[in-house]
Amino acid sequence: MKCAEAVCGRRLTGGSKRKGSDWWNEQVSAVVVEKKWVRKGECGMESYTTGASSLALGTKVLDLEISNRDLTPLKIEGLQNPVLLDIPRTLGKMGVNDFSDPVFVNATVAAVESVIPVVYSVVNISYNDSSLNIEITPEHDNHQLFIISSGQVVPTLQKHQWFTMIRDIPTKRGGTYDWFISSSEINATGRHFIGVGEFIPDFDVSLMEDPVGNNINRSVLQNVSVNYSLRTFSSGCYFFNKESKDWFADGLQVIYSDYNITRCTSNHLTSFGAGLFLPPNTIDFSFVFANMGFSDNITIYLTLILCSAIFILLLIYARYKDKKDIEKLGAAPLPDNKVQDKYLYEMLIFTGNLKGAQTDSTVQFVLSGTHEETDVRTLGDEKRKILRKDGTDAEYENTTPVPCMS
């Protein structure tokens, strides 16, 4: 009956409308089927489409249809009273089993090193129409701890989108507080900033209802006195469009989410699935720097020292080889050239790569031309050995007092 009441007076296939009283004169049937998230080809739902990447591994698919007396499915959309959906998902085998451990935040150190004693973390919202769960576990209860949050820009006491005292977060499991922000509130993708701070003991929290008008500033803050662990994940709801054969989030809003279930509202009926995205843990550099003693991390330091030493040695060797290559460039003058000679002749010498091609012997030559020939000249280079096997082409400048050829 609740399904019939929810769709009363809404559109049917073909865009026609009927008054609410007409629905009670026509026999309808409601079918709700829960399916596993399946591979391509099963149940007519494509799992390799673009939108399918938004679905969480292990999500269940809810198929919700209303049919007339001929068992023809009615197209139900544009509901004024949305349908409430609880979409379960499994953990472990064939489900979401990669929940990372919460990140420990050494807030007592990070707050002291900050200009403003608020410790910030960043998460990324990858999909549209996603909600956000922020799990924070203080080492012990502290009634002055608070969270401020904003999308795209770093939140401050006066400029933020969301604010809550940690003690006021309604959902608590053990010592972990789970702050849920719905998809309608997020309504954006990209970076999302989370700041954790601590008010002074006598601060009136009601002043945060109008932080700008009450001129709330850092004077109401004190250094965070308790460390905590932080974990975030985002969730979404999606429906299968049978016409385009893909998954979309239009008309769906996430109003609650945890590890086991995603609760959504929908203004239409079709097949629904849930998505779950776990942002990667960020590095707490304040914790890293506070625990980077040599004796506690001797293996890491020795590895870094060894890698740095190898890098420096390779750098020196590469520089040495570069200088040798530069020496091979250009034309080297013969050692027996005379300053008063006016004519220069450039020679190229190629040494073969066969066995025995190179030589350490003194090589001499005579340059002959149509007009003149030189005396016996000697090949040589003061900076490098010449006539090496498979050697690079060598260029020599040979000077003569008169031209040897035209």
Protein backbone atom coordinates (compact mmCIF):
# COMPACT_ATOMS: atom_id res chain seq x y z
CA MET A 1 0.00 0.00 0.00
CA LYS A 2 2.86 2.39 0.72
CA CYS A 3 4.16 1.93 -2.82
CA ALA A 4 0.72 2.67 -4.26
CA GLU A 5 0.36 5.76 -2.10
CA ALA A 6 3.82 6.96 -3.08
CA VAL A 7 3.10 6.84 -6.81
CA CYS A 8 -0.45 8.18 -6.58
CA GLY A 9 -1.13 10.69 -9.35
CA ARG A 10 2.34 10.35 -10.98
CA ARG A 11 3.24 9.84 -14.63
CA LEU A 12 2.84 6.56 -16.44
CA THR A 13 4.48 5.20 -19.57
CA GLY A 14 3.84 7.55 -22.47
CA GLY A 15 3.63 10.63 -20.24
CA SER A 16 -0.12 10.42 -19.41
CA LYS A 17 -1.43 11.33 -15.95
CA ARG A 18 -4.18 9.93 -13.81
CA LYS A 19 -5.87 11.28 -10.74
CA GLY A 20 -5.27 9.61 -7.45
CA SER A 21 -8.81 8.14 -7.28
CA ASP A 22 -8.24 6.33 -10.59
CA TRP A 23 -5.40 4.34 -9.07
CA TRP A 24 -7.67 2.62 -6.60
CA ASN A 25 -9.97 1.53 -9.48
CA GLU A 26 -7.10 -0.21 -11.25
CA GLN A 27 -5.36 -3.29 -9.94
CA VAL A 28 -1.59 -2.80 -9.67
CA SER A 29 1.20 -5.00 -8.32
CA ALA A 30 4.47 -3.96 -6.71
CA VAL A 31 7.60 -6.11 -7.08
CA VAL A 32 10.77 -5.63 -5.05
CA VAL A 33 13.72 -7.91 -5.86
CA GLU A 34 17.15 -7.87 -4.26
CA LYS A 35 20.00 -9.06 -6.54
CA LYS A 36 23.72 -9.39 -6.20
CA TRP A 37 25.93 -6.98 -8.15
CA VAL A 38 26.57 -9.16 -11.18
CA ARG A 39 28.87 -9.33 -14.17
CA LYS A 40 28.08 -8.20 -17.68
CA GLY A 41 25.20 -9.98 -19.37
CA GLU A 42 23.43 -11.23 -16.24
CA CYS A 43 20.02 -9.75 -15.41
CA GLY A 44 20.39 -7.30 -18.28
CA MET A 45 22.63 -4.89 -16.35
CA GLU A 46 25.98 -3.84 -17.81
CA SER A 47 28.81 -3.83 -15.25
CA TYR A 48 31.47 -2.52 -17.63
CA THR A 49 29.84 0.78 -18.54
CA THR A 50 31.22 4.17 -17.51
CA GLY A 51 28.73 4.60 -14.67
CA ALA A 52 29.35 1.09 -13.31
CA SER A 53 32.71 2.23 -11.93
CA SER A 54 30.76 4.21 -9.31
CA LEU A 55 29.23 1.06 -7.80
CA ALA A 56 30.84 -0.53 -4.77
CA LEU A 57 32.07 -4.09 -4.94
CA GLY A 58 29.59 -6.18 -2.97
CA THR A 59 26.64 -3.83 -3.32
CA LYS A 60 23.18 -5.32 -3.68
CA VAL A 61 20.90 -4.21 -6.53
CA LEU A 62 17.29 -3.42 -5.63
CA ASP A 63 14.83 -3.85 -8.51
CA LEU A 64 11.61 -1.96 -7.72
CA GLU A 65 8.72 -2.07 -10.23
CA ILE A 66 4.98 -1.41 -10.26
CA SER A 67 2.92 -3.14 -12.97
CA ASN A 68 -0.72 -2.92 -14.10
CA ARG A 69 -3.11 -5.86 -14.37
CA ASP A 70 -1.49 -6.88 -17.68
CA LEU A 71 1.89 -7.06 -15.90
CA THR A 72 3.14 -4.15 -18.00
CA PRO A 73 5.68 -2.16 -15.95
CA LEU A 74 4.55 1.42 -15.28
CA LYS A 75 7.04 4.23 -15.67
CA ILE A 76 7.05 5.93 -12.28
CA GLU A 77 8.98 9.21 -11.99
CA GLY A 78 8.71 12.70 -10.57
CA LEU A 79 7.34 11.54 -7.20
CA GLN A 80 6.47 14.30 -4.74
CA ASN A 81 6.88 11.87 -1.83
CA PRO A 82 10.20 10.08 -2.56
CA VAL A 83 10.65 6.36 -2.04
CA LEU A 84 12.99 5.42 0.81
CA LEU A 85 15.59 2.78 -0.16
CA ASP A 86 18.00 0.82 2.05
CA ILE A 87 20.66 -0.74 -0.19
CA PRO A 88 22.87 -3.27 1.65
CA ARG A 89 26.45 -4.14 0.77
CA THR A 90 28.68 -6.96 2.00
CA LEU A 91 32.08 -6.85 3.62
CA GLY A 92 34.83 -9.39 3.13
CA LYS A 93 34.88 -11.92 0.29
CA MET A 94 33.32 -10.56 -2.93
CA GLY A 95 32.60 -7.30 -1.13
CA VAL A 96 34.29 -4.20 0.22
CA ASN A 97 37.34 -5.61 1.97
CA ASP A 98 39.90 -2.85 1.51
CA PHE A 99 38.90 -0.52 4.34
CA SER A 100 42.16 1.11 5.34
CA ASP A 101 43.06 1.63 8.97
CA PRO A 102 42.29 5.04 10.47
CA VAL A 103 45.14 7.55 10.17
CA PHE A 104 46.69 8.54 13.47
CA VAL A 105 47.00 12.32 13.79
CA ASN A 106 49.56 13.65 16.26
CA ALA A 107 47.44 16.74 16.86
CA THR A 108 49.21 17.88 20.02
CA VAL A 109 52.38 18.48 17.98
CA ALA A 110 50.73 19.65 14.74
CA ALA A 111 48.59 22.28 16.49
CA VAL A 112 51.62 23.86 18.18
CA GLU A 113 53.46 24.14 14.85
CA SER A 114 50.49 25.73 13.06
CA VAL A 115 49.81 29.45 12.80
CA ILE A 116 46.22 28.70 13.89
CA PRO A 117 45.86 25.76 16.31
CA VAL A 118 43.58 23.81 13.96
CA VAL A 119 44.76 20.53 12.42
CA TYR A 120 43.63 20.13 8.79
CA SER A 121 43.17 17.02 6.66
CA VAL A 122 42.14 16.73 3.00
CA VAL A 123 39.95 14.12 1.29
CA ASN A 124 38.80 13.86 -2.31
CA ILE A 125 35.18 13.43 -3.42
CA SER A 126 35.42 11.62 -6.77
CA TYR A 127 31.78 11.24 -7.83
CA ASN A 128 28.83 13.60 -8.03
CA ASP A 129 25.90 13.13 -5.63
CA SER A 130 28.12 11.50 -3.00
CA SER A 131 27.79 11.72 0.76
CA LEU A 132 30.73 11.87 3.20
CA ASN A 133 31.37 9.98 6.45
CA ILE A 134 34.01 11.43 8.79
CA GLU A 135 35.10 8.99 11.50
CA ILE A 136 37.14 10.45 14.35
CA THR A 137 38.42 8.54 17.36
CA PRO A 138 39.97 10.74 20.11
CA GLU A 139 42.41 9.03 22.47
CA HIS A 140 40.11 10.15 25.27
CA ASP A 141 36.94 12.22 25.57
CA ASN A 142 37.40 15.95 25.23
CA HIS A 143 34.24 18.07 25.32
CA GLN A 144 35.91 21.10 23.73
CA LEU A 145 36.95 19.39 20.46
CA PHE A 146 35.16 20.52 17.30
CA ILE A 147 35.22 19.87 13.54
CA ILE A 148 34.87 22.46 10.78
CA SER A 149 34.65 21.44 7.14
CA SER A 150 34.38 22.97 3.66
CA GLY A 151 34.69 21.97 0.04
CA GLN A 152 37.40 23.45 -2.23
CA VAL A 153 38.71 26.00 0.33
CA VAL A 154 40.27 25.66 3.78
CA PRO A 155 37.60 26.30 6.45
CA THR A 156 38.09 28.88 9.18
CA LEU A 157 36.15 29.75 12.32
CA GLN A 158 34.18 32.41 10.44
CA LYS A 159 34.05 30.88 6.95
CA HIS A 160 33.05 27.23 6.76
CA GLN A 161 30.23 25.07 5.44
CA TRP A 162 29.79 22.69 8.36
CA PHE A 163 30.55 22.87 12.07
CA THR A 164 29.93 20.46 14.91
CA MET A 165 31.22 19.76 18.36
CA ILE A 166 32.52 16.21 18.42
CA ARG A 167 30.50 15.51 21.55
CA ASP A 168 27.33 16.39 19.59
CA ILE A 169 27.88 13.87 16.77
CA PRO A 170 24.88 11.52 17.16
CA THR A 171 26.45 8.31 15.83
CA LYS A 172 29.06 6.74 18.09
CA ARG A 173 30.48 3.21 17.92
CA GLY A 174 32.74 2.51 20.87
CA GLY A 175 35.06 5.51 21.01
CA THR A 176 34.55 6.43 17.34
CA TYR A 177 32.30 9.31 16.31
CA ASP A 178 30.82 9.03 12.79
CA TRP A 179 29.77 12.39 11.33
CA PHE A 180 27.60 11.96 8.24
CA ILE A 181 27.18 14.74 5.63
CA SER A 182 24.47 13.99 3.06
CA SER A 183 24.89 14.14 -0.73
CA SER A 184 22.56 17.14 -0.99
CA GLU A 185 24.87 19.07 1.37
CA ILE A 186 28.10 18.02 -0.39
CA ASN A 187 26.78 18.50 -3.94
CA ALA A 188 30.29 18.80 -5.46
CA THR A 189 33.40 16.85 -6.36
CA GLY A 190 37.04 17.65 -5.66
CA ARG A 191 38.97 18.42 -2.50
CA HIS A 192 37.21 18.55 0.85
CA PHE A 193 38.96 20.03 3.90
CA ILE A 194 38.44 18.86 7.48
CA GLY A 195 39.76 20.88 10.43
CA VAL A 196 39.89 19.73 14.06
CA GLY A 197 40.42 22.23 16.88
CA GLU A 198 39.75 22.81 20.56
CA PHE A 199 37.95 25.71 22.24
CA ILE A 200 39.05 27.24 25.54
CA PRO A 201 37.13 25.79 28.54
CA ASP A 202 34.74 28.71 29.09
CA PHE A 203 33.81 29.29 25.42
CA ASP A 204 30.10 29.61 24.67
CA VAL A 205 29.49 27.29 21.71
CA SER A 206 26.20 29.03 20.87
CA LEU A 207 28.26 31.95 19.53
CA MET A 208 29.20 29.73 16.56
CA GLU A 209 25.65 30.16 15.25
CA ASP A 210 26.83 33.56 13.95
CA PRO A 211 30.65 33.47 14.01
CA VAL A 212 31.04 36.57 11.83
CA GLY A 213 28.62 38.72 13.81
CA ASN A 214 30.14 37.53 17.09
CA ASN A 215 33.68 38.11 15.76
CA ILE A 216 34.91 34.61 16.60
CA ASN A 217 38.71 34.46 16.17
CA ARG A 218 41.70 32.44 17.28
CA SER A 219 41.57 33.94 20.79
CA VAL A 220 38.83 31.37 21.62
CA LEU A 221 41.14 28.49 20.67
CA GLN A 222 43.76 26.60 22.58
CA ASN A 223 46.27 24.04 21.36
CA VAL A 224 44.69 20.64 20.73
CA SER A 225 45.36 18.56 23.84
CA VAL A 226 44.37 15.12 22.55
CA ASN A 227 45.55 13.05 19.59
CA TYR A 228 43.04 11.24 17.43
CA SER A 229 42.58 8.84 14.51
CA LEU A 230 40.71 9.84 11.36
CA ARG A 231 39.08 7.89 8.52
CA THR A 232 36.73 9.06 5.79
CA PHE A 233 34.68 7.42 3.04
CA SER A 234 32.08 8.62 0.56
CA SER A 235 28.92 6.84 -0.63
CA GLY A 236 26.45 7.23 -3.47
CA CYS A 237 23.23 5.77 -4.89
CA TYR A 238 22.75 5.00 -8.57
CA PHE A 239 19.96 3.70 -10.78
CA PHE A 240 20.16 1.64 -13.97
CA ASN A 241 18.75 3.43 -17.02
CA LYS A 242 17.47 0.70 -19.32
CA GLU A 243 17.41 3.01 -22.33
CA SER A 244 21.03 4.19 -22.18
CA LYS A 245 22.25 0.97 -20.50
CA ASP A 246 24.23 2.80 -17.83
CA TRP A 247 24.13 3.84 -14.18
CA PHE A 248 23.22 7.39 -13.09
CA ALA A 249 22.52 9.28 -9.85
CA ASP A 250 19.77 11.62 -11.11
CA GLY A 251 16.86 11.97 -8.70
CA LEU A 252 18.68 10.15 -5.87
CA GLN A 253 19.97 11.53 -2.58
CA VAL A 254 22.02 9.75 0.09
CA ILE A 255 20.55 10.48 3.52
CA TYR A 256 22.55 7.91 5.55
CA SER A 257 25.48 5.56 5.01
CA ASP A 258 27.74 3.22 6.95
CA TYR A 259 29.84 0.12 6.21
CA ASN A 260 26.82 -2.13 5.69
CA ILE A 261 24.10 -0.01 4.13
CA THR A 262 23.39 3.09 2.07
CA ARG A 263 20.02 4.78 2.61
CA CYS A 264 18.69 6.89 -0.25
CA THR A 265 15.55 8.65 -1.39
CA SER A 266 14.36 8.40 -5.00
CA ASN A 267 11.66 10.14 -7.02
CA HIS A 268 11.40 7.26 -9.53
CA LEU A 269 11.42 3.46 -9.60
CA THR A 270 13.98 1.24 -11.35
CA SER A 271 17.03 -0.86 -10.39
CA PHE A 272 19.24 0.73 -7.72
CA GLY A 273 22.80 0.12 -6.53
CA ALA A 274 25.12 1.74 -3.99
CA GLY A 275 28.62 3.14 -4.40
CA LEU A 276 31.43 3.37 -1.87
CA PHE A 277 34.73 5.23 -2.30
CA LEU A 278 37.56 5.11 0.21
CA PRO A 279 39.94 8.08 -0.14
CA PRO A 280 43.61 7.09 0.31
CA ASN A 281 45.16 7.86 3.66
CA THR A 282 47.16 11.08 3.77
CA ILE A 283 50.61 11.28 5.36
CA ASP A 284 50.77 12.90 8.78
CA PHE A 285 54.12 14.66 8.39
CA SER A 286 54.00 16.05 11.93
CA PHE A 287 53.94 12.46 13.23
CA VAL A 288 56.70 11.45 10.81
CA PHE A 289 59.01 14.29 11.87
CA ALA A 290 58.32 13.64 15.55
CA ASN A 291 59.44 9.99 15.18
CA MET A 292 62.42 10.26 12.83
CA GLY A 293 65.26 9.57 15.27
CA PHE A 294 68.31 7.84 13.75
CA SER A 295 68.42 5.03 16.30
CA ASP A 296 64.72 4.21 15.75
CA ASN A 297 65.03 4.14 11.95
CA ILE A 298 68.60 3.01 11.35
CA THR A 299 67.69 0.75 8.41
CA ILE A 300 65.88 3.57 6.61
CA TYR A 301 68.71 6.04 7.20
CA LEU A 302 71.39 3.59 6.05
CA THR A 303 69.38 2.90 2.89
CA LEU A 304 69.06 6.62 2.19
CA ILE A 305 72.78 7.22 2.83
CA LEU A 306 73.77 4.34 0.56
CA CYS A 307 71.45 5.46 -2.24
CA SER A 308 72.69 9.04 -1.93
CA ALA A 309 76.35 7.91 -2.05
CA ILE A 310 75.71 5.78 -5.16
CA PHE A 311 73.90 8.70 -6.78
CA ILE A 312 76.80 11.11 -6.08
CA LEU A 313 79.38 8.63 -7.43
CA LEU A 314 77.35 8.09 -10.59
CA LEU A 315 76.98 11.85 -10.95
CA ILE A 316 80.77 12.34 -10.72
CA TYR A 317 81.38 9.53 -13.23
CA ALA A 318 78.82 10.96 -15.65
CA ARG A 319 80.43 14.39 -15.40
CA TYR A 320 83.86 12.86 -16.09
CA LYS A 321 82.55 11.09 -19.20
CA ASP A 322 80.85 14.29 -20.36
CA LYS A 323 84.18 16.16 -20.18
CA LYS A 324 85.84 13.39 -22.16
CA ASP A 325 83.14 13.65 -24.82
CA ILE A 326 83.68 17.40 -25.04
CA GLU A 327 87.40 16.81 -25.62
CA LYS A 328 86.55 14.67 -28.65
CA LEU A 329 84.59 17.47 -30.25
CA GLY A 330 86.20 20.04 -32.51
CA ALA A 331 89.49 19.93 -34.42
CA ALA A 332 92.73 19.29 -32.52
CA PRO A 333 95.89 20.95 -33.94
CA LEU A 334 98.83 18.70 -34.76
CA PRO A 335 101.72 19.03 -32.30
CA ASP A 336 104.21 19.99 -35.07
CA ASN A 337 102.14 22.82 -36.58
CA LYS A 338 104.02 26.09 -37.07
CA VAL A 339 102.66 29.46 -36.02
CA GLN A 340 103.74 31.21 -39.21
CA ASP A 341 101.90 28.79 -41.53
CA LYS A 342 98.92 30.44 -43.25
CA TYR A 343 96.97 27.50 -44.68
CA LEU A 344 94.88 24.99 -42.73
CA TYR A 345 93.74 21.55 -43.90
CA GLU A 346 91.23 19.48 -41.88
CA MET A 347 91.54 15.69 -41.85
CA LEU A 348 89.03 13.06 -40.71
CA ILE A 349 90.35 9.68 -39.54
CA PHE A 350 88.09 6.67 -39.02
CA THR A 351 89.34 3.65 -37.04
CA GLY A 352 87.74 0.28 -37.81
CA ASN A 353 86.10 -2.06 -35.31
CA LEU A 354 87.91 -5.27 -36.25
CA LYS A 355 90.37 -6.96 -33.94
CA GLY A 356 93.75 -5.23 -34.08
CA ALA A 357 92.36 -2.10 -35.75
CA GLN A 358 93.73 0.26 -33.11
CA THR A 359 97.38 1.09 -32.60
CA ASP A 360 99.69 2.84 -30.17
CA SER A 361 102.34 3.39 -32.81
CA THR A 362 103.48 6.81 -33.97
CA VAL A 363 101.73 7.47 -37.27
CA GLN A 364 103.21 9.93 -39.76
CA PHE A 365 102.00 11.14 -43.13
CA VAL A 366 102.71 13.44 -46.07
CA LEU A 367 99.93 15.61 -47.51
CA SER A 368 100.33 15.92 -51.30
CA GLY A 369 98.40 18.18 -53.66
CA THR A 370 98.50 19.36 -57.25
CA HIS A 371 100.77 22.28 -56.35
CA GLU A 372 102.78 21.21 -53.32
CA GLU A 373 103.30 18.61 -50.65
CA THR A 374 104.16 18.91 -46.98
CA ASP A 375 107.06 17.55 -45.05
CA VAL A 376 106.57 14.40 -42.99
CA ARG A 377 103.98 15.22 -40.31
CA THR A 378 103.12 13.34 -37.15
CA LEU A 379 99.62 12.55 -35.85
CA GLY A 380 99.15 13.30 -32.18
CA ASP A 381 96.85 14.73 -29.53
CA GLU A 382 98.05 15.85 -26.11
CA LYS A 383 94.65 15.37 -24.46
CA ARG A 384 93.65 11.87 -25.52
CA LYS A 385 94.78 8.65 -27.13
CA ILE A 386 94.15 8.44 -30.84
CA LEU A 387 93.47 5.69 -33.34
CA ARG A 388 91.37 3.63 -30.88
CA LYS A 389 89.30 0.64 -32.08
CA ASP A 390 85.94 1.76 -33.43
CA GLY A 391 86.92 5.24 -32.33
CA THR A 392 84.96 8.40 -32.88
CA ASP A 393 85.93 10.36 -35.96
CA ALA A 394 89.00 12.47 -35.22
CA GLU A 395 89.56 15.91 -36.73
CA TYR A 396 93.02 17.38 -37.04
CA GLU A 397 94.20 20.74 -38.28
CA ASN A 398 97.27 20.50 -40.46
CA THR A 399 99.00 23.80 -41.30
CA THR A 400 101.22 24.50 -44.36
CA PRO A 401 103.13 27.61 -45.45
CA VAL A 402 101.86 27.37 -49.08
CA PRO A 403 98.71 25.88 -50.60
CA CYS A 404 99.01 22.26 -51.64
CA MET A 405 96.03 22.36 -54.01
CA SER A 406 93.70 24.79 -55.70
